[in-house]
C-alpha atoms as a PDB file:
ATOM      1  CA  MET A   1     110.014  24.435 204.068  1.00  0.00           C
ATOM      2  CA  ASP A   2     112.973  22.149 204.536  1.00  0.00           C
ATOM      3  CA  LEU A   3     115.630  22.890 207.092  1.00  0.00           C
ATOM      4  CA  CYS A   4     119.341  22.305 206.818  1.00  0.00           C
ATOM      5  CA  GLU A   5     121.327  22.017 210.009  1.00  0.00           C
ATOM      6  CA  ILE A   6     124.071  24.633 210.092  1.00  0.00           C
ATOM      7  CA  GLU A   7     126.651  22.333 211.676  1.00  0.00           C
ATOM      8  CA  ARG A   8     125.896  19.612 209.133  1.00  0.00           C
ATOM      9  CA  MET A   9     126.420  22.129 206.309  1.00  0.00           C
ATOM     10  CA  ARG A  10     129.623  23.369 207.990  1.00  0.00           C
ATOM     11  CA  ALA A  11     130.985  19.811 208.095  1.00  0.00           C
ATOM     12  CA  ALA A  12     129.983  19.109 204.481  1.00  0.00           C
ATOM     13  CA  LEU A  13     131.642  22.302 203.215  1.00  0.00           C
ATOM     14  CA  ALA A  14     134.824  21.538 205.179  1.00  0.00           C
ATOM     15  CA  ARG A  15     134.910  17.924 203.994  1.00  0.00           C
ATOM     16  CA  THR A  16     134.174  18.715 200.329  1.00  0.00           C
ATOM     17  CA  PRO A  17     135.615  22.092 199.249  1.00  0.00           C
ATOM     18  CA  GLY A  18     134.123  21.880 195.731  1.00  0.00           C
ATOM     19  CA  LEU A  19     130.616  21.599 197.158  1.00  0.00           C
ATOM     20  CA  ARG A  20     130.156  25.386 197.127  1.00  0.00           C
ATOM     21  CA  THR A  21     130.750  25.520 193.386  1.00  0.00           C
ATOM     22  CA  ARG A  22     128.543  22.510 192.653  1.00  0.00           C
ATOM     23  CA  LEU A  23     125.573  23.686 194.720  1.00  0.00           C
ATOM     24  CA  PHE A  24     125.621  27.482 194.640  1.00  0.00           C
ATOM     25  CA  THR A  25     125.738  30.090 191.902  1.00  0.00           C
ATOM     26  CA  GLU A  26     128.487  32.688 191.794  1.00  0.00           C
ATOM     27  CA  ASP A  27     126.079  35.349 193.105  1.00  0.00           C
ATOM     28  CA  GLU A  28     125.013  33.134 195.996  1.00  0.00           C
ATOM     29  CA  ARG A  29     128.617  32.419 196.945  1.00  0.00           C
ATOM     30  CA  ALA A  30     129.479  36.132 196.833  1.00  0.00           C
ATOM     31  CA  TYR A  31     126.490  36.954 199.072  1.00  0.00           C
ATOM     32  CA  CYS A  32     127.209  34.187 201.590  1.00  0.00           C
ATOM     33  CA  ASP A  33     130.948  34.767 201.747  1.00  0.00           C
ATOM     34  CA  ARG A  34     130.463  38.444 202.736  1.00  0.00           C
ATOM     35  CA  ARG A  35     128.907  37.348 206.033  1.00  0.00           C
ATOM     36  CA  THR A  36     130.657  36.727 209.341  1.00  0.00           C
ATOM     37  CA  ASP A  37     129.434  33.125 209.317  1.00  0.00           C
ATOM     38  CA  PRO A  38     128.714  32.217 205.692  1.00  0.00           C
ATOM     39  CA  THR A  39     127.641  28.698 206.672  1.00  0.00           C
ATOM     40  CA  GLU A  40     124.336  29.996 208.044  1.00  0.00           C
ATOM     41  CA  ARG A  41     123.562  31.566 204.669  1.00  0.00           C
ATOM     42  CA  TYR A  42     124.675  28.498 202.721  1.00  0.00           C
ATOM     43  CA  ALA A  43     122.448  26.292 204.873  1.00  0.00           C
ATOM     44  CA  ALA A  44     119.441  28.554 204.296  1.00  0.00           C
ATOM     45  CA  ARG A  45     119.985  28.618 200.543  1.00  0.00           C
ATOM     46  CA  PHE A  46     120.469  24.862 200.403  1.00  0.00           C
ATOM     47  CA  ALA A  47     117.206  24.336 202.299  1.00  0.00           C
ATOM     48  CA  ALA A  48     115.366  26.599 199.843  1.00  0.00           C
ATOM     49  CA  LYS A  49     116.850  24.795 196.844  1.00  0.00           C
ATOM     50  CA  GLU A  50     116.070  21.413 198.357  1.00  0.00           C
ATOM     51  CA  TYR A  51     112.455  22.477 198.797  1.00  0.00           C
ATOM     52  CA  VAL A  52     112.208  23.674 195.203  1.00  0.00           C
ATOM     53  CA  GLY A  53     113.930  20.505 194.046  1.00  0.00           C
ATOM     54  CA  CYS A  54     111.327  18.359 195.760  1.00  0.00           C
ATOM     55  CA  GLN A  55     108.534  20.350 194.155  1.00  0.00           C
ATOM     56  CA  ARG A  56     110.089  20.391 190.676  1.00  0.00           C
ATOM     57  CA  SER A  57     111.254  16.781 190.668  1.00  0.00           C
ATOM     58  CA  PHE A  58     107.663  15.634 190.472  1.00  0.00           C
ATOM     59  CA  GLN A  59     107.314  17.567 187.213  1.00  0.00           C
ATOM     60  CA  THR A  60     110.684  17.727 185.467  1.00  0.00           C
ATOM     61  CA  HIS A  61     113.277  15.603 187.286  1.00  0.00           C
ATOM     62  CA  GLU A  62     115.474  18.725 187.223  1.00  0.00           C
ATOM     63  CA  ALA A  63     117.874  19.459 190.090  1.00  0.00           C
ATOM     64  CA  PRO A  64     117.729  23.107 191.220  1.00  0.00           C
ATOM     65  CA  TRP A  65     121.312  23.488 192.425  1.00  0.00           C
ATOM     66  CA  LEU A  66     122.583  25.800 189.709  1.00  0.00           C
ATOM     67  CA  THR A  67     119.384  26.415 187.763  1.00  0.00           C
ATOM     68  CA  HIS A  68     117.815  28.366 190.628  1.00  0.00           C
ATOM     69  CA  SER A  69     119.311  31.017 192.848  1.00  0.00           C
ATOM     70  CA  ALA A  70     118.217  31.831 196.395  1.00  0.00           C
ATOM     71  CA  LEU A  71     119.073  35.497 196.826  1.00  0.00           C
ATOM     72  CA  LEU A  72     117.379  38.334 198.642  1.00  0.00           C
ATOM     73  CA  ASP A  73     116.882  41.670 196.944  1.00  0.00           C
ATOM     74  CA  ALA A  74     115.512  44.782 198.672  1.00  0.00           C
ATOM     75  CA  LYS A  75     112.734  42.653 200.131  1.00  0.00           C
ATOM     76  CA  PRO A  76     112.581  38.869 200.542  1.00  0.00           C
ATOM     77  CA  GLN A  77     111.390  36.954 197.515  1.00  0.00           C
ATOM     78  CA  SER A  78     110.843  33.371 196.588  1.00  0.00           C
ATOM     79  CA  LEU A  79     113.453  31.363 194.771  1.00  0.00           C
ATOM     80  CA  HIS A  80     113.953  32.551 191.194  1.00  0.00           C
ATOM     81  CA  PRO A  81     115.732  31.108 188.167  1.00  0.00           C
ATOM     82  CA  GLY A  82     119.464  31.705 188.244  1.00  0.00           C
ATOM     83  CA  PRO A  83     121.569  33.292 185.549  1.00  0.00           C
END
């Protein structure tokens, strides 16, 4: 699994305010923004999407940013298609 440094994500989100909308679904943003430090959650979701993107790019050349959502339900699950 890929890792995304929290401080690097924090800097990217501060530098580029529209990044949240480009990379994360509405549900993901709502989940992350409820947290004390949403950057930790954004970094985790970005890492999951980056991993899926690497796997899918070999097959479809499709970017997973808004086509896949990294959310947790009652129990942790793998990445699933977004809305």
